[in-house]
Structure formats: C-alpha cells, structure tokens
C-alpha cells in the first residue's frame, strides 16, 4: 500500500473514531442503498433480456407468417384458365 493510501486510511480512522455512531448512521444507509439499487438493476436487466428473446422469437414468427401469406396470395401459374376468358365464350356475344 502506498503512502497516500495509508494517509487516507489514517484520516478515515480518525474521522470514524471522532464521529462515533453518527458515522454509521450515514454509512449504513449508503451501503444498503447501493446494494439495493444493484439488485434492482440486475433483475431489471434480466427482465429486459427475457423481453428481447421473446421479441426475436415474435419477429421470426412474423416474418414466417408474412412469407406464408405471400405464397398463399400469389396467383396460380395459369394451370386453370381464368374466369374472364371462359366467361366471354359462354355469353351471347360472338
């Protein structure tokens, strides 16, 4: 440990011994608040990750549905004659 770190620790020790219990009244809530915020942030991140995985799955299924819908809606390849050409021959016009 360097000279600066030892000097800092010595002054912190003096501050703690002089302040007595008031020091702990300030430090304990700071430490508890820091731990609490880290735990809340961790679980918030996990929730975000789960949502991202679900969104990727949803997007993949949506792309498959669009591709399937496009293939279903595409017209047939003239295997059957269209109704407009057959209707013209059935009617009374020459």
Protein backbone atom coordinates (compact mmCIF):
# COMPACT_ATOMS: atom_id res chain seq x y z
CA UNK A 1 0.00 0.00 0.00
CA UNK A 2 1.34 3.39 -0.96
CA UNK A 3 1.93 6.38 1.27
CA UNK A 4 -1.23 8.15 0.06
CA UNK A 5 -3.45 5.15 0.80
CA UNK A 6 -2.02 4.79 4.31
CA UNK A 7 -2.53 8.50 4.93
CA UNK A 8 -6.12 8.29 3.72
CA UNK A 9 -6.88 5.26 5.90
CA UNK A 10 -5.39 7.01 8.93
CA UNK A 11 -7.60 10.05 8.40
CA UNK A 12 -10.68 7.94 7.79
CA UNK A 13 -9.97 6.05 11.03
CA UNK A 14 -9.69 9.35 12.91
CA UNK A 15 -12.97 10.53 11.39
CA UNK A 16 -14.77 7.34 12.36
CA UNK A 17 -13.46 7.31 15.91
CA UNK A 18 -14.29 11.00 16.40
CA UNK A 19 -17.76 10.81 14.89
CA UNK A 20 -18.76 7.69 16.79
CA UNK A 21 -22.16 6.27 15.93
CA UNK A 22 -23.10 9.21 13.68
CA UNK A 23 -20.72 7.82 11.08
CA UNK A 24 -22.61 4.52 10.96
CA UNK A 25 -25.94 6.31 10.71
CA UNK A 26 -24.70 7.85 7.46
CA UNK A 27 -22.67 4.96 6.02
CA UNK A 28 -25.13 2.09 6.59
CA UNK A 29 -27.96 3.64 4.51
CA UNK A 30 -25.49 4.48 1.74
CA UNK A 31 -24.24 0.88 1.60
CA UNK A 32 -27.74 -0.60 1.84
CA UNK A 33 -28.99 1.78 -0.84
CA UNK A 34 -26.12 0.84 -3.15
CA UNK A 35 -26.72 -2.87 -2.73
CA UNK A 36 -30.46 -2.42 -3.21
CA UNK A 37 -30.01 -0.40 -6.39
CA UNK A 38 -27.63 -3.02 -7.79
CA UNK A 39 -30.10 -5.84 -7.10
CA UNK A 40 -32.98 -3.90 -8.67
CA UNK A 41 -30.86 -3.06 -11.72
CA UNK A 42 -29.77 -6.70 -12.09
CA UNK A 43 -33.33 -8.04 -12.11
CA UNK A 44 -34.44 -5.23 -14.42
CA UNK A 45 -31.70 -6.27 -16.84
CA UNK A 46 -32.83 -9.91 -16.64
CA UNK A 47 -36.40 -8.84 -17.42
CA UNK A 48 -35.16 -6.83 -20.40
CA UNK A 49 -33.19 -9.83 -21.68
CA UNK A 50 -36.24 -12.08 -21.47
CA UNK A 51 -38.26 -9.49 -23.35
CA UNK A 52 -35.58 -9.25 -26.04
CA UNK A 53 -35.54 -13.03 -26.53
CA UNK A 54 -39.33 -13.06 -26.80
CA UNK A 55 -39.22 -10.21 -29.32
CA UNK A 56 -36.72 -12.09 -31.50
CA UNK A 57 -38.99 -15.14 -31.46
CA UNK A 58 -42.01 -12.98 -32.29
CA UNK A 59 -40.18 -11.26 -35.14
CA UNK A 60 -39.08 -14.61 -36.60
CA UNK A 61 -42.65 -15.93 -36.49
CA UNK A 62 -43.98 -12.71 -38.04
CA UNK A 63 -41.52 -13.00 -40.92
CA UNK A 64 -42.57 -16.62 -41.47
CA UNK A 65 -46.25 -15.60 -41.44
CA UNK A 66 -45.64 -12.85 -43.99
CA UNK A 67 -43.73 -15.24 -46.25
CA UNK A 68 -46.50 -17.85 -45.94
CA UNK A 69 -49.19 -15.23 -46.60
CA UNK A 70 -47.34 -14.02 -49.69
CA UNK A 71 -47.08 -17.56 -51.03
CA UNK A 72 -50.79 -18.22 -50.39
CA UNK A 73 -51.91 -14.95 -52.02
CA UNK A 74 -49.78 -15.29 -55.13
CA UNK A 75 -51.86 -16.15 -58.20
CA UNK A 76 -51.60 -19.65 -59.67
CA UNK A 77 -49.34 -20.18 -62.67
CA UNK A 78 -52.12 -20.39 -65.28
CA UNK A 79 -52.80 -24.05 -64.62
CA UNK A 80 -56.51 -23.24 -64.77
CA UNK A 81 -57.83 -20.78 -67.35
CA UNK A 82 -59.00 -17.53 -65.83
CA UNK A 83 -62.71 -16.92 -65.36
CA UNK A 84 -62.74 -13.82 -67.53
CA UNK A 85 -61.63 -15.71 -70.65
CA UNK A 86 -64.16 -18.55 -70.17
CA UNK A 87 -67.00 -16.15 -69.36
CA UNK A 88 -66.51 -14.37 -72.67
CA UNK A 89 -67.09 -17.61 -74.58
CA UNK A 90 -70.21 -18.56 -72.59
CA UNK A 91 -72.04 -15.30 -73.09
CA UNK A 92 -74.20 -14.44 -76.11
CA UNK A 93 -71.65 -12.16 -77.77
CA UNK A 94 -69.66 -13.57 -80.73
